[in-house]
């Protein structure tokens, strides 16, 4: 991360909690928590960070959270516009 004009080392999962919290916020805006476009979630997270991190890295982290069971998926994960996600705990 870039902080105080210096590079600061952080773990790979640095943005994971922000991604989960952002998904929860987006679910709260829905009448019934349902799947959302992954590009919408990634764009929302991207818009709230103040570092030079690309959307490809955020999608990589989203896929990691998918594979670890934090999110559910609907669609084909060949690109962020082809699938939708939701937090597993929502809607149960």
Protein backbone atom coordinates (compact mmCIF):
# COMPACT_ATOMS: atom_id res chain seq x y z
CA UNK A 1 0.00 0.00 0.00
CA UNK A 2 1.09 3.56 -0.57
CA UNK A 3 1.04 5.44 2.75
CA UNK A 4 2.78 8.65 3.77
CA UNK A 5 4.77 8.68 0.52
CA UNK A 6 6.16 5.21 1.29
CA UNK A 7 5.31 1.65 0.37
CA UNK A 8 3.73 -0.24 3.26
CA UNK A 9 3.56 -4.04 3.19
CA UNK A 10 0.11 -5.52 3.84
CA UNK A 11 -1.35 -8.99 3.60
CA UNK A 12 -2.99 -10.12 0.39
CA UNK A 13 -6.37 -10.19 2.15
CA UNK A 14 -6.14 -6.51 3.14
CA UNK A 15 -9.34 -5.55 1.27
CA UNK A 16 -11.37 -8.70 2.05
CA UNK A 17 -13.23 -7.26 5.04
CA UNK A 18 -14.02 -4.10 3.07
CA UNK A 19 -15.41 -6.27 0.28
CA UNK A 20 -17.58 -8.22 2.74
CA UNK A 21 -18.80 -5.05 4.47
CA UNK A 22 -19.57 -3.42 1.12
CA UNK A 23 -21.55 -6.49 0.01
CA UNK A 24 -23.51 -6.35 3.27
CA UNK A 25 -24.25 -2.67 2.69
CA UNK A 26 -25.47 -3.41 -0.83
CA UNK A 27 -27.59 -6.32 0.44
CA UNK A 28 -29.15 -4.01 3.03
CA UNK A 29 -30.33 -1.74 0.21
CA UNK A 30 -32.17 -4.65 -1.42
CA UNK A 31 -35.72 -5.53 -0.40
CA UNK A 32 -34.64 -9.17 -0.12
CA UNK A 33 -30.91 -9.92 -0.13
CA UNK A 34 -30.21 -11.48 -3.50
CA UNK A 35 -27.40 -11.90 -6.00
CA UNK A 36 -25.70 -8.72 -7.23
CA UNK A 37 -23.48 -8.22 -10.22
CA UNK A 38 -19.90 -8.88 -9.23
CA UNK A 39 -18.81 -5.84 -11.24
CA UNK A 40 -21.14 -3.70 -9.08
CA UNK A 41 -19.52 -4.96 -5.88
CA UNK A 42 -15.99 -4.59 -7.23
CA UNK A 43 -16.76 -1.10 -8.53
CA UNK A 44 -18.19 -0.03 -5.19
CA UNK A 45 -15.10 -1.28 -3.32
CA UNK A 46 -12.79 0.27 -5.92
CA UNK A 47 -14.51 3.62 -5.48
CA UNK A 48 -13.85 3.63 -1.74
CA UNK A 49 -10.15 2.84 -1.70
CA UNK A 50 -7.48 5.45 -2.08
CA UNK A 51 -4.65 3.30 -3.40
CA UNK A 52 -3.36 2.08 -6.69
CA UNK A 53 -5.14 -1.26 -6.74
CA UNK A 54 -6.79 -2.42 -9.92
CA UNK A 55 -10.17 -4.02 -10.39
CA UNK A 56 -8.43 -7.23 -11.54
CA UNK A 57 -6.87 -7.62 -8.09
CA UNK A 58 -10.21 -6.99 -6.40
CA UNK A 59 -11.84 -9.61 -8.61
CA UNK A 60 -9.03 -12.02 -7.70
CA UNK A 61 -9.83 -11.46 -4.02
CA UNK A 62 -13.57 -11.86 -4.66
CA UNK A 63 -12.88 -15.20 -6.32
CA UNK A 64 -10.79 -16.21 -3.32
CA UNK A 65 -13.73 -15.38 -1.04
CA UNK A 66 -16.01 -17.39 -3.34
CA UNK A 67 -13.74 -20.43 -3.20
CA UNK A 68 -13.60 -20.15 0.60
CA UNK A 69 -17.38 -20.13 0.93
CA UNK A 70 -17.91 -16.52 1.99
CA UNK A 71 -19.94 -15.74 -1.14
CA UNK A 72 -22.27 -17.74 -3.35
CA UNK A 73 -22.07 -17.46 -7.12
CA UNK A 74 -24.58 -17.51 -9.95
CA UNK A 75 -23.24 -17.56 -13.50
CA UNK A 76 -19.88 -18.31 -15.06
CA UNK A 77 -16.80 -16.65 -13.52
CA UNK A 78 -15.00 -16.05 -16.81
CA UNK A 79 -15.18 -12.30 -16.27
CA UNK A 80 -16.76 -10.04 -13.67
CA UNK A 81 -19.67 -9.14 -15.93
CA UNK A 82 -20.69 -12.79 -16.36
CA UNK A 83 -21.52 -13.69 -12.79
CA UNK A 84 -23.38 -12.48 -9.73
CA UNK A 85 -22.57 -12.97 -6.07
CA UNK A 86 -24.17 -12.75 -2.66
CA UNK A 87 -22.95 -13.33 0.86
CA UNK A 88 -23.71 -16.89 1.94
CA UNK A 89 -25.24 -15.75 5.21
CA UNK A 90 -27.81 -13.55 3.43
CA UNK A 91 -31.23 -14.86 2.59
CA UNK A 92 -31.08 -17.95 4.81
